[in-house]
Amino acid sequence: MSAIAPTITHTSLRAEGFSCPSCVAKIEKQVGRVHGVTAVTVKFASARIEIEHDASTVSVEELIAVVAKAGYSARVAAF
């Protein structure tokens, strides 16, 4: 029996609506709970969310929706 290895993808999102550093912890907690996410780092100064995730388990659109549910808007970063 062979196991299929997850395909880990790095996604960068640009977020809006940060007002304080506690926003960082809120987003990291919400996104980190998503099945398929292996790591998440929010950079307050640049308003970037760096996410390592299994693309076959969770899509970029789903990640954006989780950030929105936490109260912030996000979009895929251009760079």
PDB file of N, CA and C in Angstrom:
ATOM      1  N   MET A   1       0.846  -1.164   0.000  1.00  0.00           N
ATOM      2  CA  MET A   1       0.000   0.000   0.000  1.00  0.00           C
ATOM      3  C   MET A   1       0.898   1.235   0.000  1.00  0.00           C
ATOM      4  N   SER A   2       0.628   2.187  -0.858  1.00  0.00           N
ATOM      5  CA  SER A   2       1.432   3.399  -0.908  1.00  0.00           C
ATOM      6  C   SER A   2       0.618   4.589  -0.434  1.00  0.00           C
ATOM      7  N   ALA A   3       1.271   5.461   0.289  1.00  0.00           N
ATOM      8  CA  ALA A   3       0.633   6.682   0.764  1.00  0.00           C
ATOM      9  C   ALA A   3       1.008   7.817  -0.184  1.00  0.00           C
ATOM     10  N   ILE A   4       0.068   8.679  -0.423  1.00  0.00           N
ATOM     11  CA  ILE A   4       0.322   9.824  -1.284  1.00  0.00           C
ATOM     12  C   ILE A   4       0.833  10.959  -0.408  1.00  0.00           C
ATOM     13  N   ALA A   5       1.992  11.474  -0.748  1.00  0.00           N
ATOM     14  CA  ALA A   5       2.580  12.571   0.024  1.00  0.00           C
ATOM     15  C   ALA A   5       1.829  13.866  -0.283  1.00  0.00           C
ATOM     16  N   PRO A   6       1.612  14.683   0.734  1.00  0.00           N
ATOM     17  CA  PRO A   6       0.917  15.950   0.496  1.00  0.00           C
ATOM     18  C   PRO A   6       1.773  16.885  -0.354  1.00  0.00           C
ATOM     19  N   THR A   7       1.115  17.701  -1.134  1.00  0.00           N
ATOM     20  CA  THR A   7       1.788  18.692  -1.951  1.00  0.00           C
ATOM     21  C   THR A   7       1.747  20.009  -1.191  1.00  0.00           C
ATOM     22  N   ILE A   8       2.858  20.358  -0.567  1.00  0.00           N
ATOM     23  CA  ILE A   8       2.905  21.576   0.228  1.00  0.00           C
ATOM     24  C   ILE A   8       3.144  22.768  -0.696  1.00  0.00           C
ATOM     25  N   THR A   9       2.299  23.757  -0.545  1.00  0.00           N
ATOM     26  CA  THR A   9       2.348  24.970  -1.348  1.00  0.00           C
ATOM     27  C   THR A   9       2.569  26.168  -0.440  1.00  0.00           C
ATOM     28  N   HIS A  10       3.338  27.122  -0.913  1.00  0.00           N
ATOM     29  CA  HIS A  10       3.535  28.372  -0.175  1.00  0.00           C
ATOM     30  C   HIS A  10       2.646  29.435  -0.821  1.00  0.00           C
ATOM     31  N   THR A  11       1.784  30.040  -0.019  1.00  0.00           N
ATOM     32  CA  THR A  11       0.897  31.084  -0.513  1.00  0.00           C
ATOM     33  C   THR A  11       1.135  32.359   0.284  1.00  0.00           C
ATOM     34  N   SER A  12       1.253  33.479  -0.423  1.00  0.00           N
ATOM     35  CA  SER A  12       1.382  34.787   0.223  1.00  0.00           C
ATOM     36  C   SER A  12       0.117  35.579  -0.032  1.00  0.00           C
ATOM     37  N   LEU A  13      -0.472  36.054   1.050  1.00  0.00           N
ATOM     38  CA  LEU A  13      -1.659  36.889   0.946  1.00  0.00           C
ATOM     39  C   LEU A  13      -1.337  38.286   1.451  1.00  0.00           C
ATOM     40  N   ARG A  14      -1.980  39.275   0.881  1.00  0.00           N
ATOM     41  CA  ARG A  14      -1.887  40.649   1.352  1.00  0.00           C
ATOM     42  C   ARG A  14      -3.188  40.909   2.099  1.00  0.00           C
ATOM     43  N   ALA A  15      -3.089  41.360   3.344  1.00  0.00           N
ATOM     44  CA  ALA A  15      -4.275  41.572   4.169  1.00  0.00           C
ATOM     45  C   ALA A  15      -4.524  43.055   4.385  1.00  0.00           C
ATOM     46  N   GLU A  16      -5.773  43.382   4.683  1.00  0.00           N
ATOM     47  CA  GLU A  16      -6.156  44.753   4.995  1.00  0.00           C
ATOM     48  C   GLU A  16      -6.988  44.739   6.263  1.00  0.00           C
ATOM     49  N   GLY A  17      -6.926  45.840   6.997  1.00  0.00           N
ATOM     50  CA  GLY A  17      -7.735  45.954   8.199  1.00  0.00           C
ATOM     51  C   GLY A  17      -6.969  45.741   9.481  1.00  0.00           C
ATOM     52  N   PHE A  18      -5.640  45.572   9.401  1.00  0.00           N
ATOM     53  CA  PHE A  18      -4.838  45.427  10.619  1.00  0.00           C
ATOM     54  C   PHE A  18      -4.872  46.750  11.376  1.00  0.00           C
ATOM     55  N   SER A  19      -5.129  46.691  12.652  1.00  0.00           N
ATOM     56  CA  SER A  19      -5.098  47.913  13.444  1.00  0.00           C
ATOM     57  C   SER A  19      -4.136  47.814  14.618  1.00  0.00           C
ATOM     58  N   CYS A  20      -3.752  46.605  14.976  1.00  0.00           N
ATOM     59  CA  CYS A  20      -2.841  46.423  16.113  1.00  0.00           C
ATOM     60  C   CYS A  20      -2.155  45.066  15.999  1.00  0.00           C
ATOM     61  N   PRO A  21      -1.068  44.873  16.727  1.00  0.00           N
ATOM     62  CA  PRO A  21      -0.357  43.593  16.664  1.00  0.00           C
ATOM     63  C   PRO A  21      -1.195  42.397  17.130  1.00  0.00           C
ATOM     64  N   SER A  22      -2.219  42.608  17.915  1.00  0.00           N
ATOM     65  CA  SER A  22      -3.044  41.473  18.343  1.00  0.00           C
ATOM     66  C   SER A  22      -3.811  40.867  17.166  1.00  0.00           C
ATOM     67  N   CYS A  23      -3.954  41.629  16.094  1.00  0.00           N
ATOM     68  CA  CYS A  23      -4.588  41.108  14.881  1.00  0.00           C
ATOM     69  C   CYS A  23      -3.773  39.937  14.328  1.00  0.00           C
ATOM     70  N   VAL A  24      -2.471  40.017  14.490  1.00  0.00           N
ATOM     71  CA  VAL A  24      -1.568  38.975  14.010  1.00  0.00           C
ATOM     72  C   VAL A  24      -1.922  37.636  14.645  1.00  0.00           C
ATOM     73  N   ALA A  25      -2.034  37.630  15.963  1.00  0.00           N
ATOM     74  CA  ALA A  25      -2.337  36.389  16.683  1.00  0.00           C
ATOM     75  C   ALA A  25      -3.708  35.844  16.293  1.00  0.00           C
ATOM     76  N   LYS A  26      -4.664  36.729  16.097  1.00  0.00           N
ATOM     77  CA  LYS A  26      -6.018  36.298  15.735  1.00  0.00           C
ATOM     78  C   LYS A  26      -6.014  35.583  14.380  1.00  0.00           C
ATOM     79  N   ILE A  27      -5.341  36.160  13.406  1.00  0.00           N
ATOM     80  CA  ILE A  27      -5.288  35.557  12.071  1.00  0.00           C
ATOM     81  C   ILE A  27      -4.488  34.256  12.105  1.00  0.00           C
ATOM     82  N   GLU A  28      -3.332  34.266  12.778  1.00  0.00           N
ATOM     83  CA  GLU A  28      -2.518  33.047  12.848  1.00  0.00           C
ATOM     84  C   GLU A  28      -3.299  31.909  13.500  1.00  0.00           C
ATOM     85  N   LYS A  29      -4.069  32.218  14.521  1.00  0.00           N
ATOM     86  CA  LYS A  29      -4.853  31.190  15.205  1.00  0.00           C
ATOM     87  C   LYS A  29      -5.938  30.618  14.290  1.00  0.00           C
ATOM     88  N   GLN A  30      -6.687  31.494  13.616  1.00  0.00           N
ATOM     89  CA  GLN A  30      -7.777  31.051  12.738  1.00  0.00           C
ATOM     90  C   GLN A  30      -7.259  30.242  11.558  1.00  0.00           C
ATOM     91  N   VAL A  31      -6.253  30.756  10.885  1.00  0.00           N
ATOM     92  CA  VAL A  31      -5.718  30.070   9.706  1.00  0.00           C
ATOM     93  C   VAL A  31      -4.994  28.784  10.121  1.00  0.00           C
ATOM     94  N   GLY A  32      -4.301  28.822  11.237  1.00  0.00           N
ATOM     95  CA  GLY A  32      -3.572  27.651  11.714  1.00  0.00           C
ATOM     96  C   GLY A  32      -4.461  26.475  12.056  1.00  0.00           C
ATOM     97  N   ARG A  33      -5.722  26.719  12.334  1.00  0.00           N
ATOM     98  CA  ARG A  33      -6.681  25.655  12.667  1.00  0.00           C
ATOM     99  C   ARG A  33      -7.192  24.902  11.443  1.00  0.00           C
ATOM    100  N   VAL A  34      -6.987  25.459  10.267  1.00  0.00           N
ATOM    101  CA  VAL A  34      -7.525  24.878   9.044  1.00  0.00           C
ATOM    102  C   VAL A  34      -6.789  23.588   8.709  1.00  0.00           C
ATOM    103  N   HIS A  35      -7.559  22.544   8.443  1.00  0.00           N
ATOM    104  CA  HIS A  35      -6.976  21.255   8.056  1.00  0.00           C
ATOM    105  C   HIS A  35      -6.197  21.430   6.758  1.00  0.00           C
ATOM    106  N   GLY A  36      -4.948  21.012   6.763  1.00  0.00           N
ATOM    107  CA  GLY A  36      -4.102  21.144   5.580  1.00  0.00           C
ATOM    108  C   GLY A  36      -3.080  22.250   5.697  1.00  0.00           C
ATOM    109  N   VAL A  37      -3.258  23.155   6.668  1.00  0.00           N
ATOM    110  CA  VAL A  37      -2.285  24.226   6.883  1.00  0.00           C
ATOM    111  C   VAL A  37      -1.191  23.698   7.804  1.00  0.00           C
ATOM    112  N   THR A  38       0.055  23.809   7.364  1.00  0.00           N
ATOM    113  CA  THR A  38       1.173  23.324   8.170  1.00  0.00           C
ATOM    114  C   THR A  38       1.909  24.451   8.880  1.00  0.00           C
ATOM    115  N   ALA A  39       1.826  25.672   8.361  1.00  0.00           N
ATOM    116  CA  ALA A  39       2.474  26.817   8.993  1.00  0.00           C
ATOM    117  C   ALA A  39       1.829  28.103   8.515  1.00  0.00           C
ATOM    118  N   VAL A  40       1.761  29.075   9.412  1.00  0.00           N
ATOM    119  CA  VAL A  40       1.247  30.395   9.039  1.00  0.00           C
ATOM    120  C   VAL A  40       2.016  31.457   9.823  1.00  0.00           C
ATOM    121  N   THR A  41       2.429  32.501   9.114  1.00  0.00           N
ATOM    122  CA  THR A  41       3.130  33.622   9.721  1.00  0.00           C
ATOM    123  C   THR A  41       2.501  34.899   9.186  1.00  0.00           C
ATOM    124  N   VAL A  42       2.111  35.775  10.101  1.00  0.00           N
ATOM    125  CA  VAL A  42       1.555  37.066   9.717  1.00  0.00           C
ATOM    126  C   VAL A  42       2.594  38.134  10.028  1.00  0.00           C
ATOM    127  N   LYS A  43       2.879  38.963   9.048  1.00  0.00           N
ATOM    128  CA  LYS A  43       3.854  40.045   9.202  1.00  0.00           C
ATOM    129  C   LYS A  43       3.083  41.363   9.296  1.00  0.00           C
ATOM    130  N   PHE A  44       3.011  41.890  10.518  1.00  0.00           N
ATOM    131  CA  PHE A  44       2.208  43.081  10.788  1.00  0.00           C
ATOM    132  C   PHE A  44       2.659  44.278   9.952  1.00  0.00           C
ATOM    133  N   ALA A  45       3.950  44.545   9.932  1.00  0.00           N
ATOM    134  CA  ALA A  45       4.468  45.737   9.256  1.00  0.00           C
ATOM    135  C   ALA A  45       4.152  45.766   7.764  1.00  0.00           C
ATOM    136  N   SER A  46       4.188  44.610   7.124  1.00  0.00           N
ATOM    137  CA  SER A  46       3.945  44.564   5.678  1.00  0.00           C
ATOM    138  C   SER A  46       2.551  44.055   5.324  1.00  0.00           C
ATOM    139  N   ALA A  47       1.763  43.693   6.338  1.00  0.00           N
ATOM    140  CA  ALA A  47       0.396  43.183   6.139  1.00  0.00           C
ATOM    141  C   ALA A  47       0.372  41.962   5.228  1.00  0.00           C
ATOM    142  N   ARG A  48       1.364  41.086   5.412  1.00  0.00           N
ATOM    143  CA  ARG A  48       1.433  39.862   4.609  1.00  0.00           C
ATOM    144  C   ARG A  48       1.141  38.653   5.481  1.00  0.00           C
ATOM    145  N   ILE A  49       0.480  37.682   4.880  1.00  0.00           N
ATOM    146  CA  ILE A  49       0.217  36.414   5.537  1.00  0.00           C
ATOM    147  C   ILE A  49       0.897  35.348   4.695  1.00  0.00           C
ATOM    148  N   GLU A  50       1.871  34.664   5.281  1.00  0.00           N
ATOM    149  CA  GLU A  50       2.618  33.612   4.598  1.00  0.00           C
ATOM    150  C   GLU A  50       2.083  32.275   5.107  1.00  0.00           C
ATOM    151  N   ILE A  51       1.601  31.438   4.192  1.00  0.00           N
ATOM    152  CA  ILE A  51       0.956  30.182   4.579  1.00  0.00           C
ATOM    153  C   ILE A  51       1.575  29.013   3.826  1.00  0.00           C
ATOM    154  N   GLU A  52       1.916  27.969   4.554  1.00  0.00           N
ATOM    155  CA  GLU A  52       2.336  26.695   3.969  1.00  0.00           C
ATOM    156  C   GLU A  52       1.140  25.763   4.130  1.00  0.00           C
ATOM    157  N   HIS A  53       0.667  25.191   3.030  1.00  0.00           N
ATOM    158  CA  HIS A  53      -0.524  24.351   3.105  1.00  0.00           C
ATOM    159  C   HIS A  53      -0.514  23.279   2.036  1.00  0.00           C
ATOM    160  N   ASP A  54      -1.300  22.243   2.285  1.00  0.00           N
ATOM    161  CA  ASP A  54      -1.493  21.163   1.319  1.00  0.00           C
ATOM    162  C   ASP A  54      -2.559  21.638   0.338  1.00  0.00           C
ATOM    163  N   ALA A  55      -2.155  21.925  -0.878  1.00  0.00           N
ATOM    164  CA  ALA A  55      -3.065  22.476  -1.885  1.00  0.00           C
ATOM    165  C   ALA A  55      -4.191  21.512  -2.260  1.00  0.00           C
ATOM    166  N   SER A  56      -3.979  20.221  -2.028  1.00  0.00           N
ATOM    167  CA  SER A  56      -5.039  19.265  -2.350  1.00  0.00           C
ATOM    168  C   SER A  56      -6.084  19.189  -1.232  1.00  0.00           C
ATOM    169  N   THR A  57      -5.792  19.787  -0.087  1.00  0.00           N
ATOM    170  CA  THR A  57      -6.713  19.769   1.047  1.00  0.00           C
ATOM    171  C   THR A  57      -7.427  21.099   1.228  1.00  0.00           C
ATOM    172  N   VAL A  58      -6.699  22.190   1.066  1.00  0.00           N
ATOM    173  CA  VAL A  58      -7.280  23.520   1.264  1.00  0.00           C
ATOM    174  C   VAL A  58      -6.810  24.446   0.144  1.00  0.00           C
ATOM    175  N   SER A  59      -7.757  25.139  -0.454  1.00  0.00           N
ATOM    176  CA  SER A  59      -7.450  26.029  -1.578  1.00  0.00           C
ATOM    177  C   SER A  59      -7.131  27.441  -1.086  1.00  0.00           C
ATOM    178  N   VAL A  60      -6.561  28.228  -1.953  1.00  0.00           N
ATOM    179  CA  VAL A  60      -6.264  29.622  -1.645  1.00  0.00           C
ATOM    180  C   VAL A  60      -7.561  30.370  -1.351  1.00  0.00           C
ATOM    181  N   GLU A  61      -8.605  30.073  -2.100  1.00  0.00           N
ATOM    182  CA  GLU A  61      -9.896  30.727  -1.880  1.00  0.00           C
ATOM    183  C   GLU A  61     -10.439  30.412  -0.485  1.00  0.00           C
ATOM    184  N   GLU A  62     -10.247  29.184  -0.033  1.00  0.00           N
ATOM    185  CA  GLU A  62     -10.685  28.814   1.314  1.00  0.00           C
ATOM    186  C   GLU A  62      -9.871  29.552   2.372  1.00  0.00           C
ATOM    187  N   LEU A  63      -8.584  29.727   2.135  1.00  0.00           N
ATOM    188  CA  LEU A  63      -7.743  30.462   3.074  1.00  0.00           C
ATOM    189  C   LEU A  63      -8.183  31.920   3.162  1.00  0.00           C
ATOM    190  N   ILE A  64      -8.486  32.521   2.027  1.00  0.00           N
ATOM    191  CA  ILE A  64      -8.969  33.903   1.999  1.00  0.00           C
ATOM    192  C   ILE A  64     -10.281  34.015   2.770  1.00  0.00           C
ATOM    193  N   ALA A  65     -11.146  33.013   2.624  1.00  0.00           N
ATOM    194  CA  ALA A  65     -12.426  33.008   3.344  1.00  0.00           C
ATOM    195  C   ALA A  65     -12.216  32.908   4.856  1.00  0.00           C
ATOM    196  N   VAL A  66     -11.227  32.145   5.297  1.00  0.00           N
ATOM    197  CA  VAL A  66     -10.931  32.022   6.728  1.00  0.00           C
ATOM    198  C   VAL A  66     -10.444  33.367   7.276  1.00  0.00           C
ATOM    199  N   VAL A  67      -9.598  34.058   6.522  1.00  0.00           N
ATOM    200  CA  VAL A  67      -9.125  35.380   6.941  1.00  0.00           C
ATOM    201  C   VAL A  67     -10.318  36.341   7.028  1.00  0.00           C
ATOM    202  N   ALA A  68     -11.228  36.257   6.071  1.00  0.00           N
ATOM    203  CA  ALA A  68     -12.421  37.107   6.088  1.00  0.00           C
ATOM    204  C   ALA A  68     -13.296  36.798   7.298  1.00  0.00           C
ATOM    205  N   LYS A  69     -13.403  35.536   7.643  1.00  0.00           N
ATOM    206  CA  LYS A  69     -14.192  35.135   8.805  1.00  0.00           C
ATOM    207  C   LYS A  69     -13.587  35.696  10.095  1.00  0.00           C
ATOM    208  N   ALA A  70     -12.268  35.874  10.097  1.00  0.00           N
ATOM    209  CA  ALA A  70     -11.581  36.457  11.252  1.00  0.00           C
ATOM    210  C   ALA A  70     -11.767  37.976  11.312  1.00  0.00           C
ATOM    211  N   GLY A  71     -12.323  38.546  10.233  1.00  0.00           N
ATOM    212  CA  GLY A  71     -12.626  39.964  10.233  1.00  0.00           C
ATOM    213  C   GLY A  71     -11.714  40.840   9.385  1.00  0.00           C
ATOM    214  N   TYR A  72     -10.949  40.229   8.504  1.00  0.00           N
ATOM    215  CA  TYR A  72      -9.999  40.976   7.695  1.00  0.00           C
ATOM    216  C   TYR A  72     -10.150  40.576   6.225  1.00  0.00           C
ATOM    217  N   SER A  73      -9.872  41.509   5.334  1.00  0.00           N
ATOM    218  CA  SER A  73      -9.917  41.142   3.925  1.00  0.00           C
ATOM    219  C   SER A  73      -8.511  40.761   3.483  1.00  0.00           C
ATOM    220  N   ALA A  74      -8.442  39.843   2.546  1.00  0.00           N
ATOM    221  CA  ALA A  74      -7.138  39.387   2.037  1.00  0.00           C
ATOM    222  C   ALA A  74      -7.269  39.054   0.562  1.00  0.00           C
ATOM    223  N   ARG A  75      -6.138  39.145  -0.108  1.00  0.00           N
ATOM    224  CA  ARG A  75      -6.066  38.759  -1.522  1.00  0.00           C
ATOM    225  C   ARG A  75      -4.687  38.192  -1.776  1.00  0.00           C
ATOM    226  N   VAL A  76      -4.547  37.478  -2.852  1.00  0.00           N
ATOM    227  CA  VAL A  76      -3.251  36.893  -3.195  1.00  0.00           C
ATOM    228  C   VAL A  76      -2.269  38.042  -3.462  1.00  0.00           C
ATOM    229  N   ALA A  77      -1.103  37.944  -2.858  1.00  0.00           N
ATOM    230  CA  ALA A  77      -0.076  38.968  -3.048  1.00  0.00           C
ATOM    231  C   ALA A  77       0.508  38.862  -4.447  1.00  0.00           C
ATOM    232  N   ALA A  78       0.765  39.993  -5.061  1.00  0.00           N
ATOM    233  CA  ALA A  78       1.296  40.014  -6.420  1.00  0.00           C
ATOM    234  C   ALA A  78       2.770  39.621  -6.446  1.00  0.00           C
ATOM    235  N   PHE A  79       3.458  39.762  -5.343  1.00  0.00           N
ATOM    236  CA  PHE A  79       4.891  39.424  -5.290  1.00  0.00           C
ATOM    237  C   PHE A  79       5.233  38.850  -3.946  1.00  0.00           C
TER     238      PHE A  79
END
